[in-house]
PDB file of N, CA and C in Angstrom:
ATOM      1  N   MET A   1       0.836  -1.179   0.000  1.00  0.00           N
ATOM      2  CA  MET A   1       0.000   0.000   0.000  1.00  0.00           C
ATOM      3  C   MET A   1       0.879   1.240   0.000  1.00  0.00           C
ATOM      4  N   LYS A   2       0.559   2.204  -0.834  1.00  0.00           N
ATOM      5  CA  LYS A   2       1.317   3.450  -0.875  1.00  0.00           C
ATOM      6  C   LYS A   2       0.960   4.320   0.312  1.00  0.00           C
ATOM      7  N   ASN A   3       1.960   5.038   0.847  1.00  0.00           N
ATOM      8  CA  ASN A   3       1.693   6.023   1.886  1.00  0.00           C
ATOM      9  C   ASN A   3       1.057   7.244   1.253  1.00  0.00           C
ATOM     10  N   LYS A   4      -0.059   7.656   1.781  1.00  0.00           N
ATOM     11  CA  LYS A   4      -0.719   8.861   1.291  1.00  0.00           C
ATOM     12  C   LYS A   4      -0.509   9.962   2.302  1.00  0.00           C
ATOM     13  N   THR A   5      -0.242  11.151   1.821  1.00  0.00           N
ATOM     14  CA  THR A   5      -0.108  12.280   2.725  1.00  0.00           C
ATOM     15  C   THR A   5      -1.446  12.993   2.810  1.00  0.00           C
ATOM     16  N   LEU A   6      -1.800  13.390   4.001  1.00  0.00           N
ATOM     17  CA  LEU A   6      -3.038  14.112   4.231  1.00  0.00           C
ATOM     18  C   LEU A   6      -2.823  15.598   3.999  1.00  0.00           C
ATOM     19  N   PRO A   7      -3.845  16.302   3.504  1.00  0.00           N
ATOM     20  CA  PRO A   7      -3.707  17.755   3.414  1.00  0.00           C
ATOM     21  C   PRO A   7      -3.607  18.340   4.817  1.00  0.00           C
ATOM     22  N   VAL A   8      -2.808  19.369   4.968  1.00  0.00           N
ATOM     23  CA  VAL A   8      -2.661  20.068   6.247  1.00  0.00           C
ATOM     24  C   VAL A   8      -3.164  21.484   6.032  1.00  0.00           C
ATOM     25  N   TYR A   9      -4.196  21.849   6.812  1.00  0.00           N
ATOM     26  CA  TYR A   9      -4.819  23.168   6.652  1.00  0.00           C
ATOM     27  C   TYR A   9      -4.214  24.188   7.594  1.00  0.00           C
ATOM     28  N   ASP A  10      -4.020  25.369   7.073  1.00  0.00           N
ATOM     29  CA  ASP A  10      -3.629  26.547   7.828  1.00  0.00           C
ATOM     30  C   ASP A  10      -4.915  27.211   8.324  1.00  0.00           C
ATOM     31  N   ILE A  11      -4.843  27.948   9.414  1.00  0.00           N
ATOM     32  CA  ILE A  11      -6.043  28.575   9.967  1.00  0.00           C
ATOM     33  C   ILE A  11      -6.712  29.519   8.965  1.00  0.00           C
ATOM     34  N   THR A  12      -5.941  30.061   8.040  1.00  0.00           N
ATOM     35  CA  THR A  12      -6.543  30.982   7.070  1.00  0.00           C
ATOM     36  C   THR A  12      -7.526  30.274   6.143  1.00  0.00           C
ATOM     37  N   ALA A  13      -7.471  28.951   6.070  1.00  0.00           N
ATOM     38  CA  ALA A  13      -8.449  28.208   5.267  1.00  0.00           C
ATOM     39  C   ALA A  13      -9.837  28.288   5.893  1.00  0.00           C
ATOM     40  N   PHE A  14      -9.922  28.572   7.196  1.00  0.00           N
ATOM     41  CA  PHE A  14     -11.191  28.585   7.910  1.00  0.00           C
ATOM     42  C   PHE A  14     -11.643  29.978   8.339  1.00  0.00           C
ATOM     43  N   LYS A  15     -10.786  30.963   8.285  1.00  0.00           N
ATOM     44  CA  LYS A  15     -11.130  32.297   8.767  1.00  0.00           C
ATOM     45  C   LYS A  15     -12.079  33.003   7.817  1.00  0.00           C
ATOM     46  N   ASN A  16     -12.864  33.884   8.390  1.00  0.00           N
ATOM     47  CA  ASN A  16     -13.628  34.823   7.593  1.00  0.00           C
ATOM     48  C   ASN A  16     -12.619  35.842   7.072  1.00  0.00           C
ATOM     49  N   LEU A  17     -12.594  36.075   5.783  1.00  0.00           N
ATOM     50  CA  LEU A  17     -11.574  36.953   5.208  1.00  0.00           C
ATOM     51  C   LEU A  17     -11.639  38.371   5.743  1.00  0.00           C
ATOM     52  N   ALA A  18     -12.788  38.789   6.277  1.00  0.00           N
ATOM     53  CA  ALA A  18     -12.905  40.132   6.849  1.00  0.00           C
ATOM     54  C   ALA A  18     -12.258  40.207   8.224  1.00  0.00           C
ATOM     55  N   ASN A  19     -12.014  39.055   8.840  1.00  0.00           N
ATOM     56  CA  ASN A  19     -11.415  39.011  10.172  1.00  0.00           C
ATOM     57  C   ASN A  19      -9.910  38.882  10.013  1.00  0.00           C
ATOM     58  N   ASP A  20      -9.158  39.798  10.619  1.00  0.00           N
ATOM     59  CA  ASP A  20      -7.713  39.832  10.411  1.00  0.00           C
ATOM     60  C   ASP A  20      -6.916  39.196  11.549  1.00  0.00           C
ATOM     61  N   SER A  21      -7.570  38.484  12.466  1.00  0.00           N
ATOM     62  CA  SER A  21      -6.834  37.912  13.597  1.00  0.00           C
ATOM     63  C   SER A  21      -6.453  36.457  13.320  1.00  0.00           C
ATOM     64  N   ASP A  22      -5.694  35.888  14.237  1.00  0.00           N
ATOM     65  CA  ASP A  22      -5.312  34.482  14.143  1.00  0.00           C
ATOM     66  C   ASP A  22      -6.252  33.611  14.966  1.00  0.00           C
ATOM     67  N   PHE A  23      -7.446  34.108  15.262  1.00  0.00           N
ATOM     68  CA  PHE A  23      -8.432  33.378  16.045  1.00  0.00           C
ATOM     69  C   PHE A  23      -9.681  33.185  15.206  1.00  0.00           C
ATOM     70  N   TYR A  24     -10.179  31.964  15.188  1.00  0.00           N
ATOM     71  CA  TYR A  24     -11.401  31.640  14.449  1.00  0.00           C
ATOM     72  C   TYR A  24     -12.341  30.919  15.391  1.00  0.00           C
ATOM     73  N   ALA A  25     -13.600  31.346  15.433  1.00  0.00           N
ATOM     74  CA  ALA A  25     -14.610  30.688  16.261  1.00  0.00           C
ATOM     75  C   ALA A  25     -15.896  30.585  15.459  1.00  0.00           C
ATOM     76  N   ASN A  26     -16.593  29.477  15.652  1.00  0.00           N
ATOM     77  CA  ASN A  26     -17.836  29.268  14.932  1.00  0.00           C
ATOM     78  C   ASN A  26     -18.582  28.127  15.606  1.00  0.00           C
ATOM     79  N   ASP A  27     -19.908  28.071  15.442  1.00  0.00           N
ATOM     80  CA  ASP A  27     -20.616  26.878  15.890  1.00  0.00           C
ATOM     81  C   ASP A  27     -20.388  25.801  14.829  1.00  0.00           C
ATOM     82  N   PHE A  28     -20.470  24.532  15.248  1.00  0.00           N
ATOM     83  CA  PHE A  28     -20.061  23.439  14.368  1.00  0.00           C
ATOM     84  C   PHE A  28     -20.942  23.330  13.130  1.00  0.00           C
ATOM     85  N   ARG A  29     -22.250  23.543  13.271  1.00  0.00           N
ATOM     86  CA  ARG A  29     -23.149  23.461  12.124  1.00  0.00           C
ATOM     87  C   ARG A  29     -22.774  24.491  11.059  1.00  0.00           C
ATOM     88  N   SER A  30     -22.571  25.724  11.474  1.00  0.00           N
ATOM     89  CA  SER A  30     -22.183  26.770  10.517  1.00  0.00           C
ATOM     90  C   SER A  30     -20.815  26.491   9.918  1.00  0.00           C
ATOM     91  N   HIS A  31     -19.902  25.987  10.750  1.00  0.00           N
ATOM     92  CA  HIS A  31     -18.554  25.657  10.273  1.00  0.00           C
ATOM     93  C   HIS A  31     -18.631  24.578   9.191  1.00  0.00           C
ATOM     94  N   LEU A  32     -19.435  23.531   9.427  1.00  0.00           N
ATOM     95  CA  LEU A  32     -19.579  22.465   8.437  1.00  0.00           C
ATOM     96  C   LEU A  32     -20.196  22.984   7.142  1.00  0.00           C
ATOM     97  N   GLN A  33     -21.209  23.825   7.258  1.00  0.00           N
ATOM     98  CA  GLN A  33     -21.863  24.368   6.066  1.00  0.00           C
ATOM     99  C   GLN A  33     -20.915  25.265   5.276  1.00  0.00           C
ATOM    100  N   LYS A  34     -20.193  26.122   5.985  1.00  0.00           N
ATOM    101  CA  LYS A  34     -19.300  27.082   5.321  1.00  0.00           C
ATOM    102  C   LYS A  34     -18.088  26.395   4.689  1.00  0.00           C
ATOM    103  N   ASN A  35     -17.633  25.300   5.281  1.00  0.00           N
ATOM    104  CA  ASN A  35     -16.391  24.651   4.842  1.00  0.00           C
ATOM    105  C   ASN A  35     -16.622  23.224   4.361  1.00  0.00           C
ATOM    106  N   GLN A  36     -17.808  22.932   3.861  1.00  0.00           N
ATOM    107  CA  GLN A  36     -18.143  21.552   3.520  1.00  0.00           C
ATOM    108  C   GLN A  36     -17.198  20.930   2.502  1.00  0.00           C
ATOM    109  N   GLY A  37     -16.635  21.694   1.618  1.00  0.00           N
ATOM    110  CA  GLY A  37     -15.714  21.143   0.631  1.00  0.00           C
ATOM    111  C   GLY A  37     -14.350  20.813   1.202  1.00  0.00           C
ATOM    112  N   LEU A  38     -14.011  21.385   2.352  1.00  0.00           N
ATOM    113  CA  LEU A  38     -12.685  21.177   2.942  1.00  0.00           C
ATOM    114  C   LEU A  38     -12.635  20.034   3.945  1.00  0.00           C
ATOM    115  N   ILE A  39     -13.621  19.939   4.802  1.00  0.00           N
ATOM    116  CA  ILE A  39     -13.432  19.131   6.007  1.00  0.00           C
ATOM    117  C   ILE A  39     -14.080  17.757   5.979  1.00  0.00           C
ATOM    118  N   LEU A  40     -14.636  17.339   4.876  1.00  0.00           N
ATOM    119  CA  LEU A  40     -15.231  16.005   4.830  1.00  0.00           C
ATOM    120  C   LEU A  40     -14.184  14.914   4.663  1.00  0.00           C
ATOM    121  N   LEU A  41     -13.031  15.264   4.167  1.00  0.00           N
ATOM    122  CA  LEU A  41     -11.957  14.295   3.964  1.00  0.00           C
ATOM    123  C   LEU A  41     -10.958  14.366   5.115  1.00  0.00           C
ATOM    124  N   PRO A  42     -10.228  13.286   5.373  1.00  0.00           N
ATOM    125  CA  PRO A  42      -9.195  13.341   6.410  1.00  0.00           C
ATOM    126  C   PRO A  42      -8.198  14.467   6.119  1.00  0.00           C
ATOM    127  N   HIS A  43      -7.780  15.139   7.181  1.00  0.00           N
ATOM    128  CA  HIS A  43      -6.858  16.268   7.034  1.00  0.00           C
ATOM    129  C   HIS A  43      -6.174  16.523   8.367  1.00  0.00           C
ATOM    130  N   GLY A  44      -5.166  17.360   8.334  1.00  0.00           N
ATOM    131  CA  GLY A  44      -4.465  17.794   9.533  1.00  0.00           C
ATOM    132  C   GLY A  44      -4.537  19.304   9.643  1.00  0.00           C
ATOM    133  N   HIS A  45      -4.016  19.839  10.742  1.00  0.00           N
ATOM    134  CA  HIS A  45      -3.973  21.285  10.968  1.00  0.00           C
ATOM    135  C   HIS A  45      -2.552  21.671  11.364  1.00  0.00           C
ATOM    136  N   ASP A  46      -2.153  22.879  11.035  1.00  0.00           N
ATOM    137  CA  ASP A  46      -0.867  23.384  11.531  1.00  0.00           C
ATOM    138  C   ASP A  46      -1.107  24.421  12.630  1.00  0.00           C
ATOM    139  N   PHE A  47      -2.254  24.286  13.313  1.00  0.00           N
ATOM    140  CA  PHE A  47      -2.628  25.173  14.410  1.00  0.00           C
ATOM    141  C   PHE A  47      -3.373  24.342  15.448  1.00  0.00           C
ATOM    142  N   TYR A  48      -3.532  24.883  16.641  1.00  0.00           N
ATOM    143  CA  TYR A  48      -4.280  24.186  17.679  1.00  0.00           C
ATOM    144  C   TYR A  48      -5.770  24.384  17.440  1.00  0.00           C
ATOM    145  N   LEU A  49      -6.549  23.329  17.668  1.00  0.00           N
ATOM    146  CA  LEU A  49      -7.983  23.355  17.453  1.00  0.00           C
ATOM    147  C   LEU A  49      -8.665  22.783  18.681  1.00  0.00           C
ATOM    148  N   SER A  50      -9.661  23.494  19.197  1.00  0.00           N
ATOM    149  CA  SER A  50     -10.471  23.006  20.309  1.00  0.00           C
ATOM    150  C   SER A  50     -11.914  22.916  19.850  1.00  0.00           C
ATOM    151  N   VAL A  51     -12.554  21.796  20.163  1.00  0.00           N
ATOM    152  CA  VAL A  51     -13.951  21.595  19.800  1.00  0.00           C
ATOM    153  C   VAL A  51     -14.695  21.137  21.048  1.00  0.00           C
ATOM    154  N   LEU A  52     -15.789  21.829  21.384  1.00  0.00           N
ATOM    155  CA  LEU A  52     -16.680  21.437  22.471  1.00  0.00           C
ATOM    156  C   LEU A  52     -17.984  20.974  21.847  1.00  0.00           C
ATOM    157  N   PHE A  53     -18.350  19.720  22.067  1.00  0.00           N
ATOM    158  CA  PHE A  53     -19.615  19.189  21.567  1.00  0.00           C
ATOM    159  C   PHE A  53     -20.664  19.348  22.660  1.00  0.00           C
ATOM    160  N   THR A  54     -21.743  20.049  22.343  1.00  0.00           N
ATOM    161  CA  THR A  54     -22.803  20.295  23.323  1.00  0.00           C
ATOM    162  C   THR A  54     -24.016  19.402  23.085  1.00  0.00           C
ATOM    163  N   ALA A  55     -24.069  18.735  21.947  1.00  0.00           N
ATOM    164  CA  ALA A  55     -25.180  17.847  21.613  1.00  0.00           C
ATOM    165  C   ALA A  55     -24.703  16.844  20.576  1.00  0.00           C
ATOM    166  N   GLY A  56     -25.489  15.783  20.388  1.00  0.00           N
ATOM    167  CA  GLY A  56     -25.196  14.814  19.348  1.00  0.00           C
ATOM    168  C   GLY A  56     -24.281  13.703  19.819  1.00  0.00           C
ATOM    169  N   SER A  57     -23.981  12.812  18.889  1.00  0.00           N
ATOM    170  CA  SER A  57     -23.083  11.696  19.178  1.00  0.00           C
ATOM    171  C   SER A  57     -22.468  11.225  17.868  1.00  0.00           C
ATOM    172  N   GLY A  58     -21.441  10.438  17.985  1.00  0.00           N
ATOM    173  CA  GLY A  58     -20.741   9.918  16.821  1.00  0.00           C
ATOM    174  C   GLY A  58     -19.311   9.635  17.183  1.00  0.00           C
ATOM    175  N   THR A  59     -18.435   9.646  16.187  1.00  0.00           N
ATOM    176  CA  THR A  59     -17.011   9.446  16.433  1.00  0.00           C
ATOM    177  C   THR A  59     -16.230  10.545  15.733  1.00  0.00           C
ATOM    178  N   HIS A  60     -15.063  10.805  16.266  1.00  0.00           N
ATOM    179  CA  HIS A  60     -14.151  11.787  15.694  1.00  0.00           C
ATOM    180  C   HIS A  60     -12.778  11.139  15.665  1.00  0.00           C
ATOM    181  N   GLU A  61     -12.115  11.200  14.527  1.00  0.00           N
ATOM    182  CA  GLU A  61     -10.787  10.599  14.406  1.00  0.00           C
ATOM    183  C   GLU A  61      -9.729  11.679  14.547  1.00  0.00           C
ATOM    184  N   ILE A  62      -8.813  11.452  15.488  1.00  0.00           N
ATOM    185  CA  ILE A  62      -7.709  12.378  15.731  1.00  0.00           C
ATOM    186  C   ILE A  62      -6.438  11.559  15.766  1.00  0.00           C
ATOM    187  N   GLU A  63      -5.472  11.925  14.937  1.00  0.00           N
ATOM    188  CA  GLU A  63      -4.193  11.206  14.884  1.00  0.00           C
ATOM    189  C   GLU A  63      -4.413   9.704  14.696  1.00  0.00           C
ATOM    190  N   PHE A  64      -5.356   9.349  13.832  1.00  0.00           N
ATOM    191  CA  PHE A  64      -5.663   7.966  13.472  1.00  0.00           C
ATOM    192  C   PHE A  64      -6.262   7.146  14.619  1.00  0.00           C
ATOM    193  N   ASN A  65      -6.757   7.811  15.672  1.00  0.00           N
ATOM    194  CA  ASN A  65      -7.471   7.155  16.771  1.00  0.00           C
ATOM    195  C   ASN A  65      -8.911   7.648  16.765  1.00  0.00           C
ATOM    196  N   ASN A  66      -9.878   6.737  16.943  1.00  0.00           N
ATOM    197  CA  ASN A  66     -11.286   7.109  16.991  1.00  0.00           C
ATOM    198  C   ASN A  66     -11.714   7.391  18.424  1.00  0.00           C
ATOM    199  N   TYR A  67     -12.470   8.470  18.601  1.00  0.00           N
ATOM    200  CA  TYR A  67     -12.980   8.873  19.903  1.00  0.00           C
ATOM    201  C   TYR A  67     -14.495   9.018  19.810  1.00  0.00           C
ATOM    202  N   PHE A  68     -15.209   8.558  20.846  1.00  0.00           N
ATOM    203  CA  PHE A  68     -16.650   8.683  20.890  1.00  0.00           C
ATOM    204  C   PHE A  68     -17.032  10.103  21.276  1.00  0.00           C
ATOM    205  N   ILE A  69     -18.011  10.647  20.583  1.00  0.00           N
ATOM    206  CA  ILE A  69     -18.504  11.995  20.850  1.00  0.00           C
ATOM    207  C   ILE A  69     -19.824  11.882  21.607  1.00  0.00           C
ATOM    208  N   LYS A  70     -19.956  12.687  22.657  1.00  0.00           N
ATOM    209  CA  LYS A  70     -21.216  12.831  23.399  1.00  0.00           C
ATOM    210  C   LYS A  70     -21.254  14.260  23.916  1.00  0.00           C
ATOM    211  N   PRO A  71     -22.408  14.749  24.333  1.00  0.00           N
ATOM    212  CA  PRO A  71     -22.473  16.102  24.871  1.00  0.00           C
ATOM    213  C   PRO A  71     -21.458  16.294  26.008  1.00  0.00           C
ATOM    214  N   GLY A  72     -20.723  17.370  25.935  1.00  0.00           N
ATOM    215  CA  GLY A  72     -19.682  17.658  26.915  1.00  0.00           C
ATOM    216  C   GLY A  72     -18.294  17.204  26.492  1.00  0.00           C
ATOM    217  N   SER A  73     -18.183  16.482  25.388  1.00  0.00           N
ATOM    218  CA  SER A  73     -16.863  16.058  24.903  1.00  0.00           C
ATOM    219  C   SER A  73     -16.064  17.273  24.426  1.00  0.00           C
ATOM    220  N   VAL A  74     -14.800  17.284  24.768  1.00  0.00           N
ATOM    221  CA  VAL A  74     -13.898  18.350  24.337  1.00  0.00           C
ATOM    222  C   VAL A  74     -12.700  17.701  23.676  1.00  0.00           C
ATOM    223  N   PHE A  75     -12.376  18.148  22.494  1.00  0.00           N
ATOM    224  CA  PHE A  75     -11.213  17.653  21.762  1.00  0.00           C
ATOM    225  C   PHE A  75     -10.318  18.817  21.416  1.00  0.00           C
TER     226      PHE A  75
END
């Protein structure tokens, strides 16, 4: 099997272009809608990312490990 490299996103891929800071915040639903073409495939980040899940369930893969999502989960 060939080694595939994952795309690595810079924070500017997610920022609102009108916002000139290095901080990006959004609710997850809006983030998914706004960036649907970017984040459906496996990828990495060159910045720190914090996600607080307040509802729902599922799994989230981080560094090739799967984690269960439930309300109150923080990644």
